[in-house]
Amino acid sequence: MPVAKLDDVVIHVAEGPALEIQRNDTRRAALERIRAFRLKLPVDWKFDRDEANER
């Protein structure tokens, strides 16, 4: 499995003087769950950052 420069990886110590390197797919899996959850928003809905950050 080729690993690109910016890939998140998990490294485990294997038996003997070896390491196991695996891709960390946590972000990709989270994005897939978010995409699957997509809500239908009203056509005229607008995000208002100031309103969202009011306390």
C-alpha atoms as a PDB file:
ATOM      1  CA  MET A   1       0.000   0.000   0.000  1.00  0.00           C
ATOM      2  CA  PRO A   2       1.701   3.208  -1.099  1.00  0.00           C
ATOM      3  CA  VAL A   3       1.496   6.091   1.359  1.00  0.00           C
ATOM      4  CA  ALA A   4       1.554   9.668   0.076  1.00  0.00           C
ATOM      5  CA  LYS A   5       3.475  12.483   1.746  1.00  0.00           C
ATOM      6  CA  LEU A   6       0.480  14.074   3.495  1.00  0.00           C
ATOM      7  CA  ASP A   7      -1.401  10.891   4.440  1.00  0.00           C
ATOM      8  CA  ASP A   8      -2.220  10.384   8.109  1.00  0.00           C
ATOM      9  CA  VAL A   9      -0.680   7.122   9.214  1.00  0.00           C
ATOM     10  CA  VAL A  10      -0.701   4.843  12.247  1.00  0.00           C
ATOM     11  CA  ILE A  11       2.512   3.016  13.092  1.00  0.00           C
ATOM     12  CA  HIS A  12       2.500  -0.189  15.142  1.00  0.00           C
ATOM     13  CA  VAL A  13       5.516  -2.092  16.422  1.00  0.00           C
ATOM     14  CA  ALA A  14       5.368  -5.551  14.861  1.00  0.00           C
ATOM     15  CA  GLU A  15       7.207  -8.686  15.861  1.00  0.00           C
ATOM     16  CA  GLY A  16      10.956  -8.386  15.708  1.00  0.00           C
ATOM     17  CA  PRO A  17      12.586  -5.257  14.350  1.00  0.00           C
ATOM     18  CA  ALA A  18       9.647  -4.371  12.109  1.00  0.00           C
ATOM     19  CA  LEU A  19       6.989  -1.694  11.955  1.00  0.00           C
ATOM     20  CA  GLU A  20       3.497  -1.905  10.457  1.00  0.00           C
ATOM     21  CA  ILE A  21       2.263   1.260   8.777  1.00  0.00           C
ATOM     22  CA  GLN A  22      -1.429   1.761   8.071  1.00  0.00           C
ATOM     23  CA  ARG A  23      -3.376   4.697   6.695  1.00  0.00           C
ATOM     24  CA  ASN A  24      -5.501   6.485   9.263  1.00  0.00           C
ATOM     25  CA  ASP A  25      -8.878   6.696   7.508  1.00  0.00           C
ATOM     26  CA  THR A  26     -10.662   8.416  10.413  1.00  0.00           C
ATOM     27  CA  ARG A  27     -11.114  11.721   8.544  1.00  0.00           C
ATOM     28  CA  ARG A  28     -12.277  10.034   5.347  1.00  0.00           C
ATOM     29  CA  ALA A  29     -14.784   7.906   7.267  1.00  0.00           C
ATOM     30  CA  ALA A  30     -16.091  10.975   9.137  1.00  0.00           C
ATOM     31  CA  LEU A  31     -16.575  12.872   5.872  1.00  0.00           C
ATOM     32  CA  GLU A  32     -18.454   9.918   4.387  1.00  0.00           C
ATOM     33  CA  ARG A  33     -20.811   9.869   7.404  1.00  0.00           C
ATOM     34  CA  ILE A  34     -21.387  13.621   7.081  1.00  0.00           C
ATOM     35  CA  ARG A  35     -22.112  13.320   3.353  1.00  0.00           C
ATOM     36  CA  ALA A  36     -24.557  10.471   3.974  1.00  0.00           C
ATOM     37  CA  PHE A  37     -26.403  12.627   6.542  1.00  0.00           C
ATOM     38  CA  ARG A  38     -27.034  15.526   4.129  1.00  0.00           C
ATOM     39  CA  LEU A  39     -30.119  17.493   5.048  1.00  0.00           C
ATOM     40  CA  LYS A  40     -32.357  19.189   2.552  1.00  0.00           C
ATOM     41  CA  LEU A  41     -32.239  22.884   3.374  1.00  0.00           C
ATOM     42  CA  PRO A  42     -34.877  25.373   2.250  1.00  0.00           C
ATOM     43  CA  VAL A  43     -33.963  27.108  -1.005  1.00  0.00           C
ATOM     44  CA  ASP A  44     -33.927  30.546   0.645  1.00  0.00           C
ATOM     45  CA  TRP A  45     -31.802  29.453   3.664  1.00  0.00           C
ATOM     46  CA  LYS A  46     -28.673  31.527   4.239  1.00  0.00           C
ATOM     47  CA  PHE A  47     -25.967  30.948   6.821  1.00  0.00           C
ATOM     48  CA  ASP A  48     -25.381  34.023   8.981  1.00  0.00           C
ATOM     49  CA  ARG A  49     -22.050  33.730  10.772  1.00  0.00           C
ATOM     50  CA  ASP A  50     -22.804  36.647  13.103  1.00  0.00           C
ATOM     51  CA  GLU A  51     -26.145  35.149  14.128  1.00  0.00           C
ATOM     52  CA  ALA A  52     -24.542  31.741  14.665  1.00  0.00           C
ATOM     53  CA  ASN A  53     -21.867  33.240  16.935  1.00  0.00           C
ATOM     54  CA  GLU A  54     -24.191  35.377  19.083  1.00  0.00           C
ATOM     55  CA  ARG A  55     -24.040  34.431  22.750  1.00  0.00           C
END
